[in-house]
Amino acid sequence: MAWYFWLLIYLAVISLISVIVTVCDKHAARKRKNRVSENTLMLLSVLGGSVFMYLTMHLIRHKTKHLKFMLGIPLIFGAQCALALLLYLFLR
């Protein structure tokens, strides 16, 4: 199988993990215990879960008032797109 197939599988898995962790943090915020650290959420975004994490945050209204997330995650996604474009241009 081609490398891009495995990349898509990886992105699907990290996106699913990002959604689950975001929803769990929202639930923990309501219960006021065992929160997920902001650094963990940002790391999941950097690792490839940025798009679905951002959509999930808007969907469940979680951390939408935090500038760190509402600007940071789209900037991370933009950087990921730029990196993907550079890799595509150099590897073709």
PDB file of N, CA and C in Angstrom:
ATOM      1  N   MET A   1       0.840  -1.192   0.000  1.00  0.00           N
ATOM      2  CA  MET A   1       0.000   0.000   0.000  1.00  0.00           C
ATOM      3  C   MET A   1       0.879   1.246   0.000  1.00  0.00           C
ATOM      4  N   ALA A   2       0.334   2.279  -0.562  1.00  0.00           N
ATOM      5  CA  ALA A   2       1.077   3.534  -0.690  1.00  0.00           C
ATOM      6  C   ALA A   2       1.186   4.242   0.660  1.00  0.00           C
ATOM      7  N   TRP A   3       2.211   5.083   0.790  1.00  0.00           N
ATOM      8  CA  TRP A   3       2.466   5.789   2.049  1.00  0.00           C
ATOM      9  C   TRP A   3       1.317   6.706   2.418  1.00  0.00           C
ATOM     10  N   TYR A   4       0.647   7.289   1.409  1.00  0.00           N
ATOM     11  CA  TYR A   4      -0.448   8.207   1.723  1.00  0.00           C
ATOM     12  C   TYR A   4      -1.650   7.489   2.319  1.00  0.00           C
ATOM     13  N   PHE A   5      -1.808   6.211   2.029  1.00  0.00           N
ATOM     14  CA  PHE A   5      -2.862   5.431   2.670  1.00  0.00           C
ATOM     15  C   PHE A   5      -2.616   5.374   4.176  1.00  0.00           C
ATOM     16  N   TRP A   6      -1.371   5.113   4.565  1.00  0.00           N
ATOM     17  CA  TRP A   6      -1.030   5.034   5.986  1.00  0.00           C
ATOM     18  C   TRP A   6      -1.122   6.406   6.645  1.00  0.00           C
ATOM     19  N   LEU A   7      -0.823   7.448   5.893  1.00  0.00           N
ATOM     20  CA  LEU A   7      -0.974   8.808   6.416  1.00  0.00           C
ATOM     21  C   LEU A   7      -2.447   9.104   6.702  1.00  0.00           C
ATOM     22  N   LEU A   8      -3.317   8.706   5.803  1.00  0.00           N
ATOM     23  CA  LEU A   8      -4.754   8.914   6.023  1.00  0.00           C
ATOM     24  C   LEU A   8      -5.264   8.114   7.227  1.00  0.00           C
ATOM     25  N   ILE A   9      -4.778   6.893   7.378  1.00  0.00           N
ATOM     26  CA  ILE A   9      -5.157   6.085   8.542  1.00  0.00           C
ATOM     27  C   ILE A   9      -4.689   6.776   9.822  1.00  0.00           C
ATOM     28  N   TYR A  10      -3.440   7.259   9.822  1.00  0.00           N
ATOM     29  CA  TYR A  10      -2.902   7.960  10.992  1.00  0.00           C
ATOM     30  C   TYR A  10      -3.743   9.191  11.319  1.00  0.00           C
ATOM     31  N   LEU A  11      -4.055   9.992  10.313  1.00  0.00           N
ATOM     32  CA  LEU A  11      -4.837  11.213  10.547  1.00  0.00           C
ATOM     33  C   LEU A  11      -6.237  10.888  11.066  1.00  0.00           C
ATOM     34  N   ALA A  12      -6.823   9.815  10.566  1.00  0.00           N
ATOM     35  CA  ALA A  12      -8.143   9.408  11.052  1.00  0.00           C
ATOM     36  C   ALA A  12      -8.073   9.001  12.526  1.00  0.00           C
ATOM     37  N   VAL A  13      -7.051   8.252  12.885  1.00  0.00           N
ATOM     38  CA  VAL A  13      -6.914   7.779  14.268  1.00  0.00           C
ATOM     39  C   VAL A  13      -6.627   8.951  15.203  1.00  0.00           C
ATOM     40  N   ILE A  14      -5.683   9.827  14.861  1.00  0.00           N
ATOM     41  CA  ILE A  14      -5.345  10.945  15.742  1.00  0.00           C
ATOM     42  C   ILE A  14      -6.514  11.922  15.838  1.00  0.00           C
ATOM     43  N   SER A  15      -7.275  12.055  14.765  1.00  0.00           N
ATOM     44  CA  SER A  15      -8.467  12.907  14.810  1.00  0.00           C
ATOM     45  C   SER A  15      -9.523  12.322  15.735  1.00  0.00           C
ATOM     46  N   LEU A  16      -9.728  11.027  15.672  1.00  0.00           N
ATOM     47  CA  LEU A  16     -10.681  10.365  16.555  1.00  0.00           C
ATOM     48  C   LEU A  16     -10.256  10.506  18.016  1.00  0.00           C
ATOM     49  N   ILE A  17      -8.974  10.307  18.272  1.00  0.00           N
ATOM     50  CA  ILE A  17      -8.462  10.473  19.634  1.00  0.00           C
ATOM     51  C   ILE A  17      -8.674  11.915  20.099  1.00  0.00           C
ATOM     52  N   SER A  18      -8.417  12.878  19.229  1.00  0.00           N
ATOM     53  CA  SER A  18      -8.589  14.293  19.579  1.00  0.00           C
ATOM     54  C   SER A  18     -10.035  14.613  19.930  1.00  0.00           C
ATOM     55  N   VAL A  19     -10.960  14.073  19.164  1.00  0.00           N
ATOM     56  CA  VAL A  19     -12.382  14.294  19.440  1.00  0.00           C
ATOM     57  C   VAL A  19     -12.760  13.679  20.778  1.00  0.00           C
ATOM     58  N   ILE A  20     -12.336  12.452  21.018  1.00  0.00           N
ATOM     59  CA  ILE A  20     -12.676  11.767  22.270  1.00  0.00           C
ATOM     60  C   ILE A  20     -12.113  12.515  23.467  1.00  0.00           C
ATOM     61  N   VAL A  21     -10.859  12.944  23.387  1.00  0.00           N
ATOM     62  CA  VAL A  21     -10.227  13.656  24.499  1.00  0.00           C
ATOM     63  C   VAL A  21     -10.917  14.997  24.737  1.00  0.00           C
ATOM     64  N   THR A  22     -11.287  15.689  23.674  1.00  0.00           N
ATOM     65  CA  THR A  22     -11.978  16.976  23.815  1.00  0.00           C
ATOM     66  C   THR A  22     -13.332  16.803  24.481  1.00  0.00           C
ATOM     67  N   VAL A  23     -14.078  15.801  24.060  1.00  0.00           N
ATOM     68  CA  VAL A  23     -15.383  15.532  24.662  1.00  0.00           C
ATOM     69  C   VAL A  23     -15.229  15.114  26.127  1.00  0.00           C
ATOM     70  N   CYS A  24     -14.224  14.298  26.409  1.00  0.00           N
ATOM     71  CA  CYS A  24     -13.970  13.894  27.805  1.00  0.00           C
ATOM     72  C   CYS A  24     -13.603  15.090  28.669  1.00  0.00           C
ATOM     73  N   ASP A  25     -12.831  16.031  28.128  1.00  0.00           N
ATOM     74  CA  ASP A  25     -12.475  17.223  28.886  1.00  0.00           C
ATOM     75  C   ASP A  25     -13.699  18.092  29.143  1.00  0.00           C
ATOM     76  N   LYS A  26     -14.586  18.185  28.176  1.00  0.00           N
ATOM     77  CA  LYS A  26     -15.829  18.939  28.375  1.00  0.00           C
ATOM     78  C   LYS A  26     -16.650  18.299  29.496  1.00  0.00           C
ATOM     79  N   HIS A  27     -16.735  16.988  29.468  1.00  0.00           N
ATOM     80  CA  HIS A  27     -17.481  16.271  30.502  1.00  0.00           C
ATOM     81  C   HIS A  27     -16.830  16.483  31.871  1.00  0.00           C
ATOM     82  N   ALA A  28     -15.498  16.409  31.916  1.00  0.00           N
ATOM     83  CA  ALA A  28     -14.775  16.616  33.178  1.00  0.00           C
ATOM     84  C   ALA A  28     -14.932  18.053  33.672  1.00  0.00           C
ATOM     85  N   ALA A  29     -15.033  18.989  32.756  1.00  0.00           N
ATOM     86  CA  ALA A  29     -15.215  20.395  33.148  1.00  0.00           C
ATOM     87  C   ALA A  29     -16.560  20.578  33.848  1.00  0.00           C
ATOM     88  N   ARG A  30     -17.559  19.891  33.371  1.00  0.00           N
ATOM     89  CA  ARG A  30     -18.875  19.966  34.022  1.00  0.00           C
ATOM     90  C   ARG A  30     -18.836  19.348  35.415  1.00  0.00           C
ATOM     91  N   LYS A  31     -18.087  18.258  35.550  1.00  0.00           N
ATOM     92  CA  LYS A  31     -17.986  17.571  36.838  1.00  0.00           C
ATOM     93  C   LYS A  31     -16.936  18.220  37.743  1.00  0.00           C
ATOM     94  N   ARG A  32     -16.101  19.085  37.157  1.00  0.00           N
ATOM     95  CA  ARG A  32     -15.022  19.791  37.866  1.00  0.00           C
ATOM     96  C   ARG A  32     -14.001  18.850  38.481  1.00  0.00           C
ATOM     97  N   LYS A  33     -13.574  17.857  37.699  1.00  0.00           N
ATOM     98  CA  LYS A  33     -12.516  16.958  38.164  1.00  0.00           C
ATOM     99  C   LYS A  33     -11.798  16.315  36.988  1.00  0.00           C
ATOM    100  N   ASN A  34     -10.547  15.933  37.229  1.00  0.00           N
ATOM    101  CA  ASN A  34      -9.727  15.190  36.266  1.00  0.00           C
ATOM    102  C   ASN A  34      -9.716  15.791  34.863  1.00  0.00           C
ATOM    103  N   ARG A  35      -9.385  17.076  34.775  1.00  0.00           N
ATOM    104  CA  ARG A  35      -9.342  17.764  33.486  1.00  0.00           C
ATOM    105  C   ARG A  35      -8.135  17.330  32.666  1.00  0.00           C
ATOM    106  N   VAL A  36      -8.285  17.442  31.374  1.00  0.00           N
ATOM    107  CA  VAL A  36      -7.184  17.221  30.439  1.00  0.00           C
ATOM    108  C   VAL A  36      -6.411  18.533  30.361  1.00  0.00           C
ATOM    109  N   SER A  37      -5.104  18.463  30.400  1.00  0.00           N
ATOM    110  CA  SER A  37      -4.321  19.693  30.372  1.00  0.00           C
ATOM    111  C   SER A  37      -4.418  20.356  28.994  1.00  0.00           C
ATOM    112  N   GLU A  38      -4.299  21.677  29.000  1.00  0.00           N
ATOM    113  CA  GLU A  38      -4.335  22.419  27.738  1.00  0.00           C
ATOM    114  C   GLU A  38      -3.169  22.012  26.848  1.00  0.00           C
ATOM    115  N   ASN A  39      -2.027  21.702  27.456  1.00  0.00           N
ATOM    116  CA  ASN A  39      -0.873  21.263  26.674  1.00  0.00           C
ATOM    117  C   ASN A  39      -1.155  19.962  25.932  1.00  0.00           C
ATOM    118  N   THR A  40      -1.892  19.064  26.566  1.00  0.00           N
ATOM    119  CA  THR A  40      -2.256  17.802  25.917  1.00  0.00           C
ATOM    120  C   THR A  40      -3.166  18.058  24.722  1.00  0.00           C
ATOM    121  N   LEU A  41      -4.132  18.941  24.899  1.00  0.00           N
ATOM    122  CA  LEU A  41      -5.032  19.275  23.792  1.00  0.00           C
ATOM    123  C   LEU A  41      -4.261  19.897  22.627  1.00  0.00           C
ATOM    124  N   MET A  42      -3.335  20.795  22.944  1.00  0.00           N
ATOM    125  CA  MET A  42      -2.544  21.425  21.889  1.00  0.00           C
ATOM    126  C   MET A  42      -1.622  20.402  21.215  1.00  0.00           C
ATOM    127  N   LEU A  43      -1.060  19.486  21.985  1.00  0.00           N
ATOM    128  CA  LEU A  43      -0.201  18.455  21.414  1.00  0.00           C
ATOM    129  C   LEU A  43      -0.977  17.576  20.433  1.00  0.00           C
ATOM    130  N   LEU A  44      -2.181  17.191  20.797  1.00  0.00           N
ATOM    131  CA  LEU A  44      -3.009  16.391  19.888  1.00  0.00           C
ATOM    132  C   LEU A  44      -3.301  17.160  18.604  1.00  0.00           C
ATOM    133  N   SER A  45      -3.476  18.454  18.737  1.00  0.00           N
ATOM    134  CA  SER A  45      -3.690  19.291  17.562  1.00  0.00           C
ATOM    135  C   SER A  45      -2.449  19.300  16.672  1.00  0.00           C
ATOM    136  N   VAL A  46      -1.281  19.470  17.281  1.00  0.00           N
ATOM    137  CA  VAL A  46      -0.023  19.487  16.534  1.00  0.00           C
ATOM    138  C   VAL A  46       0.241  18.140  15.861  1.00  0.00           C
ATOM    139  N   LEU A  47      -0.137  17.070  16.519  1.00  0.00           N
ATOM    140  CA  LEU A  47       0.097  15.729  15.973  1.00  0.00           C
ATOM    141  C   LEU A  47      -0.832  15.376  14.816  1.00  0.00           C
ATOM    142  N   GLY A  48      -1.795  16.250  14.515  1.00  0.00           N
ATOM    143  CA  GLY A  48      -2.636  16.007  13.347  1.00  0.00           C
ATOM    144  C   GLY A  48      -4.130  16.043  13.594  1.00  0.00           C
ATOM    145  N   GLY A  49      -4.545  16.268  14.820  1.00  0.00           N
ATOM    146  CA  GLY A  49      -5.970  16.270  15.115  1.00  0.00           C
ATOM    147  C   GLY A  49      -6.598  17.653  15.094  1.00  0.00           C
ATOM    148  N   SER A  50      -5.922  18.617  14.505  1.00  0.00           N
ATOM    149  CA  SER A  50      -6.353  20.011  14.599  1.00  0.00           C
ATOM    150  C   SER A  50      -7.740  20.275  14.000  1.00  0.00           C
ATOM    151  N   VAL A  51      -8.011  19.747  12.839  1.00  0.00           N
ATOM    152  CA  VAL A  51      -9.282  20.058  12.167  1.00  0.00           C
ATOM    153  C   VAL A  51     -10.473  19.542  12.972  1.00  0.00           C
ATOM    154  N   PHE A  52     -10.429  18.272  13.333  1.00  0.00           N
ATOM    155  CA  PHE A  52     -11.574  17.701  14.033  1.00  0.00           C
ATOM    156  C   PHE A  52     -11.679  18.180  15.472  1.00  0.00           C
ATOM    157  N   MET A  53     -10.538  18.506  16.085  1.00  0.00           N
ATOM    158  CA  MET A  53     -10.592  19.075  17.424  1.00  0.00           C
ATOM    159  C   MET A  53     -11.262  20.446  17.380  1.00  0.00           C
ATOM    160  N   TYR A  54     -10.884  21.246  16.407  1.00  0.00           N
ATOM    161  CA  TYR A  54     -11.461  22.585  16.268  1.00  0.00           C
ATOM    162  C   TYR A  54     -12.971  22.504  16.011  1.00  0.00           C
ATOM    163  N   LEU A  55     -13.359  21.618  15.116  1.00  0.00           N
ATOM    164  CA  LEU A  55     -14.790  21.439  14.837  1.00  0.00           C
ATOM    165  C   LEU A  55     -15.539  20.937  16.071  1.00  0.00           C
ATOM    166  N   THR A  56     -14.946  20.009  16.800  1.00  0.00           N
ATOM    167  CA  THR A  56     -15.571  19.480  18.007  1.00  0.00           C
ATOM    168  C   THR A  56     -15.721  20.563  19.060  1.00  0.00           C
ATOM    169  N   MET A  57     -14.695  21.384  19.235  1.00  0.00           N
ATOM    170  CA  MET A  57     -14.764  22.461  20.222  1.00  0.00           C
ATOM    171  C   MET A  57     -15.916  23.418  19.919  1.00  0.00           C
ATOM    172  N   HIS A  58     -16.116  23.704  18.646  1.00  0.00           N
ATOM    173  CA  HIS A  58     -17.239  24.568  18.283  1.00  0.00           C
ATOM    174  C   HIS A  58     -18.572  23.837  18.465  1.00  0.00           C
ATOM    175  N   LEU A  59     -18.604  22.587  18.088  1.00  0.00           N
ATOM    176  CA  LEU A  59     -19.836  21.810  18.174  1.00  0.00           C
ATOM    177  C   LEU A  59     -20.326  21.658  19.609  1.00  0.00           C
ATOM    178  N   ILE A  60     -19.412  21.396  20.542  1.00  0.00           N
ATOM    179  CA  ILE A  60     -19.833  21.200  21.933  1.00  0.00           C
ATOM    180  C   ILE A  60     -19.596  22.442  22.794  1.00  0.00           C
ATOM    181  N   ARG A  61     -19.179  23.526  22.141  1.00  0.00           N
ATOM    182  CA  ARG A  61     -18.913  24.811  22.815  1.00  0.00           C
ATOM    183  C   ARG A  61     -17.942  24.635  23.983  1.00  0.00           C
ATOM    184  N   HIS A  62     -16.788  24.119  23.646  1.00  0.00           N
ATOM    185  CA  HIS A  62     -15.756  23.883  24.660  1.00  0.00           C
ATOM    186  C   HIS A  62     -14.504  24.673  24.308  1.00  0.00           C
ATOM    187  N   LYS A  63     -14.069  25.521  25.209  1.00  0.00           N
ATOM    188  CA  LYS A  63     -12.879  26.352  25.077  1.00  0.00           C
ATOM    189  C   LYS A  63     -12.995  27.363  23.933  1.00  0.00           C
ATOM    190  N   THR A  64     -14.193  27.697  23.539  1.00  0.00           N
ATOM    191  CA  THR A  64     -14.374  28.640  22.444  1.00  0.00           C
ATOM    192  C   THR A  64     -14.100  30.081  22.860  1.00  0.00           C
ATOM    193  N   LYS A  65     -13.986  30.345  24.135  1.00  0.00           N
ATOM    194  CA  LYS A  65     -13.648  31.690  24.607  1.00  0.00           C
ATOM    195  C   LYS A  65     -12.154  31.828  24.888  1.00  0.00           C
ATOM    196  N   HIS A  66     -11.405  30.762  24.650  1.00  0.00           N
ATOM    197  CA  HIS A  66      -9.961  30.770  24.892  1.00  0.00           C
ATOM    198  C   HIS A  66      -9.243  31.106  23.585  1.00  0.00           C
ATOM    199  N   LEU A  67      -8.635  32.270  23.531  1.00  0.00           N
ATOM    200  CA  LEU A  67      -7.933  32.719  22.342  1.00  0.00           C
ATOM    201  C   LEU A  67      -6.827  31.743  21.945  1.00  0.00           C
ATOM    202  N   LYS A  68      -6.211  31.135  22.942  1.00  0.00           N
ATOM    203  CA  LYS A  68      -5.138  30.162  22.695  1.00  0.00           C
ATOM    204  C   LYS A  68      -5.612  29.053  21.758  1.00  0.00           C
ATOM    205  N   PHE A  69      -6.850  28.640  21.901  1.00  0.00           N
ATOM    206  CA  PHE A  69      -7.386  27.555  21.084  1.00  0.00           C
ATOM    207  C   PHE A  69      -8.035  28.058  19.798  1.00  0.00           C
ATOM    208  N   MET A  70      -8.773  29.137  19.891  1.00  0.00           N
ATOM    209  CA  MET A  70      -9.509  29.620  18.725  1.00  0.00           C
ATOM    210  C   MET A  70      -8.599  30.238  17.661  1.00  0.00           C
ATOM    211  N   LEU A  71      -7.430  30.701  18.053  1.00  0.00           N
ATOM    212  CA  LEU A  71      -6.435  31.164  17.078  1.00  0.00           C
ATOM    213  C   LEU A  71      -5.333  30.127  16.883  1.00  0.00           C
ATOM    214  N   GLY A  72      -4.943  29.486  17.965  1.00  0.00           N
ATOM    215  CA  GLY A  72      -3.830  28.547  17.915  1.00  0.00           C
ATOM    216  C   GLY A  72      -4.078  27.344  17.029  1.00  0.00           C
ATOM    217  N   ILE A  73      -5.233  26.751  17.154  1.00  0.00           N
ATOM    218  CA  ILE A  73      -5.515  25.535  16.371  1.00  0.00           C
ATOM    219  C   ILE A  73      -5.606  25.845  14.872  1.00  0.00           C
ATOM    220  N   PRO A  74      -6.292  26.920  14.445  1.00  0.00           N
ATOM    221  CA  PRO A  74      -6.251  27.234  13.009  1.00  0.00           C
ATOM    222  C   PRO A  74      -4.838  27.565  12.513  1.00  0.00           C
ATOM    223  N   LEU A  75      -4.021  28.205  13.349  1.00  0.00           N
ATOM    224  CA  LEU A  75      -2.638  28.482  12.949  1.00  0.00           C
ATOM    225  C   LEU A  75      -1.841  27.189  12.818  1.00  0.00           C
ATOM    226  N   ILE A  76      -2.075  26.262  13.725  1.00  0.00           N
ATOM    227  CA  ILE A  76      -1.420  24.955  13.625  1.00  0.00           C
ATOM    228  C   ILE A  76      -1.848  24.258  12.341  1.00  0.00           C
ATOM    229  N   PHE A  77      -3.125  24.306  12.031  1.00  0.00           N
ATOM    230  CA  PHE A  77      -3.622  23.675  10.801  1.00  0.00           C
ATOM    231  C   PHE A  77      -3.002  24.336   9.575  1.00  0.00           C
ATOM    232  N   GLY A  78      -2.903  25.651   9.600  1.00  0.00           N
ATOM    233  CA  GLY A  78      -2.271  26.360   8.484  1.00  0.00           C
ATOM    234  C   GLY A  78      -0.823  25.939   8.301  1.00  0.00           C
ATOM    235  N   ALA A  79      -0.105  25.797   9.410  1.00  0.00           N
ATOM    236  CA  ALA A  79       1.289  25.348   9.354  1.00  0.00           C
ATOM    237  C   ALA A  79       1.374  23.918   8.821  1.00  0.00           C
ATOM    238  N   GLN A  80       0.437  23.078   9.213  1.00  0.00           N
ATOM    239  CA  GLN A  80       0.412  21.700   8.727  1.00  0.00           C
ATOM    240  C   GLN A  80       0.150  21.664   7.222  1.00  0.00           C
ATOM    241  N   CYS A  81      -0.750  22.521   6.754  1.00  0.00           N
ATOM    242  CA  CYS A  81      -1.029  22.591   5.310  1.00  0.00           C
ATOM    243  C   CYS A  81       0.193  23.079   4.546  1.00  0.00           C
ATOM    244  N   ALA A  82       0.881  24.086   5.086  1.00  0.00           N
ATOM    245  CA  ALA A  82       2.093  24.594   4.442  1.00  0.00           C
ATOM    246  C   ALA A  82       3.167  23.508   4.382  1.00  0.00           C
ATOM    247  N   LEU A  83       3.332  22.770   5.467  1.00  0.00           N
ATOM    248  CA  LEU A  83       4.294  21.681   5.494  1.00  0.00           C
ATOM    249  C   LEU A  83       3.932  20.594   4.485  1.00  0.00           C
ATOM    250  N   ALA A  84       2.652  20.254   4.420  1.00  0.00           N
ATOM    251  CA  ALA A  84       2.192  19.240   3.460  1.00  0.00           C
ATOM    252  C   ALA A  84       2.466  19.698   2.028  1.00  0.00           C
ATOM    253  N   LEU A  85       2.237  20.962   1.751  1.00  0.00           N
ATOM    254  CA  LEU A  85       2.492  21.506   0.414  1.00  0.00           C
ATOM    255  C   LEU A  85       3.987  21.441   0.082  1.00  0.00           C
ATOM    256  N   LEU A  86       4.807  21.829   1.041  1.00  0.00           N
ATOM    257  CA  LEU A  86       6.262  21.761   0.816  1.00  0.00           C
ATOM    258  C   LEU A  86       6.722  20.322   0.573  1.00  0.00           C
ATOM    259  N   LEU A  87       6.218  19.402   1.377  1.00  0.00           N
ATOM    260  CA  LEU A  87       6.570  18.003   1.180  1.00  0.00           C
ATOM    261  C   LEU A  87       6.113  17.499  -0.196  1.00  0.00           C
ATOM    262  N   TYR A  88       4.928  17.895  -0.576  1.00  0.00           N
ATOM    263  CA  TYR A  88       4.405  17.479  -1.892  1.00  0.00           C
ATOM    264  C   TYR A  88       5.297  18.010  -3.004  1.00  0.00           C
ATOM    265  N   LEU A  89       5.677  19.276  -2.908  1.00  0.00           N
ATOM    266  CA  LEU A  89       6.501  19.889  -3.954  1.00  0.00           C
ATOM    267  C   LEU A  89       7.892  19.252  -4.030  1.00  0.00           C
ATOM    268  N   PHE A  90       8.453  18.880  -2.894  1.00  0.00           N
ATOM    269  CA  PHE A  90       9.788  18.298  -2.889  1.00  0.00           C
ATOM    270  C   PHE A  90       9.796  16.806  -3.178  1.00  0.00           C
ATOM    271  N   LEU A  91       8.709  16.115  -2.943  1.00  0.00           N
ATOM    272  CA  LEU A  91       8.680  14.667  -3.120  1.00  0.00           C
ATOM    273  C   LEU A  91       8.089  14.202  -4.438  1.00  0.00           C
ATOM    274  N   ARG A  92       7.586  15.098  -5.231  1.00  0.00           N
ATOM    275  CA  ARG A  92       6.961  14.626  -6.478  1.00  0.00           C
ATOM    276  C   ARG A  92       7.938  14.415  -7.582  1.00  0.00           C
TER     277      ARG A  92
END
